[in-house]
């Protein structure tokens, strides 16, 4: 057990984990899950590519001449999707702007889980910005502030 605690402390000392811990509502386990499953954020072409990798970007299914219908992605990192949904759930309690964003999505007719996925998608964008620019939550959020307002 002591060896496991030493390994966790070693992982928690990473700069990327410290960046994520600057975000309200992020715990050590969530930060470690995001950093561990993302590995090197520079390998993603764009923010949208990272959001799709996390399973939070909608995909369209179109077969034939009908209208395209949205469906969930089947190939994504399930651990990251779970981490971002838990983060979105915590942000609803900790962050007033995230709560108003969630309430606005619910008022527009989305279900609880659909609104949570929308919030998770925005938080995924903010986290990607934090990891690629090496900036804490407040300065990374200011560049992405238009997404939650």
Protein backbone atom coordinates (compact mmCIF):
# COMPACT_ATOMS: atom_id res chain seq x y z
CA UNK A 1 0.00 0.00 0.00
CA UNK A 2 2.89 2.36 0.78
CA UNK A 3 4.39 1.65 -2.64
CA UNK A 4 1.10 2.55 -4.30
CA UNK A 5 0.95 5.79 -2.32
CA UNK A 6 4.49 6.66 -3.47
CA UNK A 7 3.57 6.02 -7.10
CA UNK A 8 0.46 8.20 -6.81
CA UNK A 9 2.48 10.97 -5.18
CA UNK A 10 5.03 10.73 -8.00
CA UNK A 11 2.29 11.02 -10.63
CA UNK A 12 0.62 13.88 -8.75
CA UNK A 13 3.84 15.88 -8.90
CA UNK A 14 3.58 16.22 -12.69
CA UNK A 15 3.05 19.81 -13.90
CA UNK A 16 0.01 18.83 -16.00
CA UNK A 17 -1.73 17.45 -12.93
CA UNK A 18 -1.03 20.67 -11.03
CA UNK A 19 -2.58 22.64 -13.92
CA UNK A 20 -5.75 20.57 -13.81
CA UNK A 21 -5.98 20.86 -10.03
CA UNK A 22 -6.25 24.64 -10.49
CA UNK A 23 -9.71 24.07 -11.98
CA UNK A 24 -12.56 24.12 -9.45
CA UNK A 25 -14.20 20.75 -8.91
CA UNK A 26 -11.24 18.69 -10.18
CA UNK A 27 -9.92 16.09 -7.77
CA UNK A 28 -6.66 14.21 -7.88
CA UNK A 29 -8.22 11.07 -9.37
CA UNK A 30 -9.93 12.97 -12.17
CA UNK A 31 -6.76 14.93 -12.96
CA UNK A 32 -4.69 11.74 -13.02
CA UNK A 33 -7.23 10.03 -15.28
CA UNK A 34 -7.24 12.91 -17.76
CA UNK A 35 -3.45 13.29 -17.84
CA UNK A 36 -2.88 9.53 -17.96
CA UNK A 37 -5.29 8.87 -20.81
CA UNK A 38 -4.38 11.98 -22.79
CA UNK A 39 -0.61 11.32 -22.53
CA UNK A 40 0.74 13.97 -24.96
CA UNK A 41 -1.89 16.53 -25.95
CA UNK A 42 0.31 17.79 -28.79
CA UNK A 43 -0.46 14.66 -30.79
CA UNK A 44 -3.97 15.92 -31.51
CA UNK A 45 -4.42 18.11 -34.58
CA UNK A 46 -6.98 20.41 -32.98
CA UNK A 47 -9.35 20.86 -30.10
CA UNK A 48 -12.11 19.18 -32.09
CA UNK A 49 -9.90 16.15 -32.66
CA UNK A 50 -9.32 15.86 -28.91
CA UNK A 51 -13.04 16.26 -28.17
CA UNK A 52 -13.81 13.46 -30.64
CA UNK A 53 -11.12 11.28 -29.04
CA UNK A 54 -12.85 11.82 -25.69
CA UNK A 55 -16.20 10.73 -27.17
CA UNK A 56 -17.93 14.03 -26.56
CA UNK A 57 -18.30 15.23 -30.17
CA UNK A 58 -21.53 14.25 -31.93
CA UNK A 59 -21.25 12.13 -35.04
CA UNK A 60 -23.73 12.04 -37.88
CA UNK A 61 -25.07 8.85 -39.35
CA UNK A 62 -26.22 9.07 -42.93
CA UNK A 63 -27.14 6.17 -45.11
CA UNK A 64 -28.79 6.82 -48.42
CA UNK A 65 -30.64 9.97 -49.35
CA UNK A 66 -32.37 10.65 -46.03
CA UNK A 67 -31.61 13.41 -43.61
CA UNK A 68 -28.57 12.84 -41.41
CA UNK A 69 -29.30 11.86 -37.83
CA UNK A 70 -26.99 12.38 -34.86
CA UNK A 71 -25.69 9.34 -33.03
CA UNK A 72 -23.08 8.64 -30.42
CA UNK A 73 -19.58 7.73 -31.45
CA UNK A 74 -18.51 4.12 -31.10
CA UNK A 75 -14.72 4.56 -31.13
CA UNK A 76 -13.47 6.77 -28.32
CA UNK A 77 -11.64 6.66 -25.03
CA UNK A 78 -14.26 5.60 -22.50
CA UNK A 79 -12.11 6.54 -19.51
CA UNK A 80 -11.75 10.12 -20.72
CA UNK A 81 -15.46 10.41 -21.47
CA UNK A 82 -16.29 9.25 -17.97
CA UNK A 83 -13.74 11.63 -16.45
CA UNK A 84 -15.17 14.61 -18.35
CA UNK A 85 -18.76 13.70 -17.48
CA UNK A 86 -17.80 13.48 -13.80
CA UNK A 87 -16.00 16.79 -14.15
CA UNK A 88 -19.11 18.33 -15.74
CA UNK A 89 -21.25 17.00 -12.93
CA UNK A 90 -18.89 18.54 -10.35
CA UNK A 91 -18.73 21.83 -12.25
CA UNK A 92 -22.50 22.16 -12.00
CA UNK A 93 -22.07 22.30 -8.22
CA UNK A 94 -18.87 24.40 -8.06
CA UNK A 95 -18.99 26.83 -10.97
CA UNK A 96 -21.88 29.26 -11.36
CA UNK A 97 -21.20 29.83 -15.08
CA UNK A 98 -21.23 26.10 -15.73
CA UNK A 99 -24.51 25.82 -13.84
CA UNK A 100 -26.14 28.56 -15.93
CA UNK A 101 -24.84 26.87 -19.13
CA UNK A 102 -26.33 23.56 -17.99
CA UNK A 103 -29.64 25.22 -17.05
CA UNK A 104 -29.78 26.97 -20.43
CA UNK A 105 -29.29 23.65 -22.23
CA UNK A 106 -32.02 22.04 -20.11
CA UNK A 107 -34.37 24.95 -20.85
CA UNK A 108 -33.77 24.46 -24.57
CA UNK A 109 -35.22 20.95 -24.31
CA UNK A 110 -32.16 18.75 -23.80
CA UNK A 111 -32.26 15.87 -21.35
CA UNK A 112 -30.03 15.77 -18.29
CA UNK A 113 -27.40 13.57 -19.95
CA UNK A 114 -27.44 15.53 -23.21
CA UNK A 115 -26.92 18.79 -21.32
CA UNK A 116 -24.16 17.15 -19.26
CA UNK A 117 -22.45 16.00 -22.48
CA UNK A 118 -22.64 19.56 -23.86
CA UNK A 119 -21.02 20.91 -20.70
CA UNK A 120 -18.44 18.11 -20.77
CA UNK A 121 -17.59 19.04 -24.36
CA UNK A 122 -16.93 22.67 -23.35
CA UNK A 123 -14.85 21.58 -20.36
CA UNK A 124 -12.90 19.24 -22.63
CA UNK A 125 -12.02 22.21 -24.82
CA UNK A 126 -10.89 24.22 -21.79
CA UNK A 127 -8.78 21.34 -20.46
CA UNK A 128 -7.16 20.86 -23.86
CA UNK A 129 -6.34 24.57 -23.95
CA UNK A 130 -4.86 24.30 -20.45
CA UNK A 131 -2.69 21.30 -21.34
CA UNK A 132 -1.41 22.63 -24.66
CA UNK A 133 -0.71 26.19 -23.51
CA UNK A 134 0.59 25.21 -20.04
CA UNK A 135 -1.65 27.77 -18.32
CA UNK A 136 -3.79 27.38 -15.20
CA UNK A 137 -7.58 27.38 -15.30
CA UNK A 138 -8.28 31.10 -14.96
CA UNK A 139 -6.14 32.26 -17.89
CA UNK A 140 -7.17 29.32 -20.09
CA UNK A 141 -10.81 29.93 -19.28
CA UNK A 142 -10.57 33.59 -20.26
CA UNK A 143 -9.60 32.59 -23.81
CA UNK A 144 -12.50 30.12 -23.95
CA UNK A 145 -15.00 32.25 -22.01
CA UNK A 146 -17.30 32.67 -24.96
CA UNK A 147 -18.02 28.93 -24.94
CA UNK A 148 -19.80 28.88 -21.59
CA UNK A 149 -21.55 32.22 -21.86
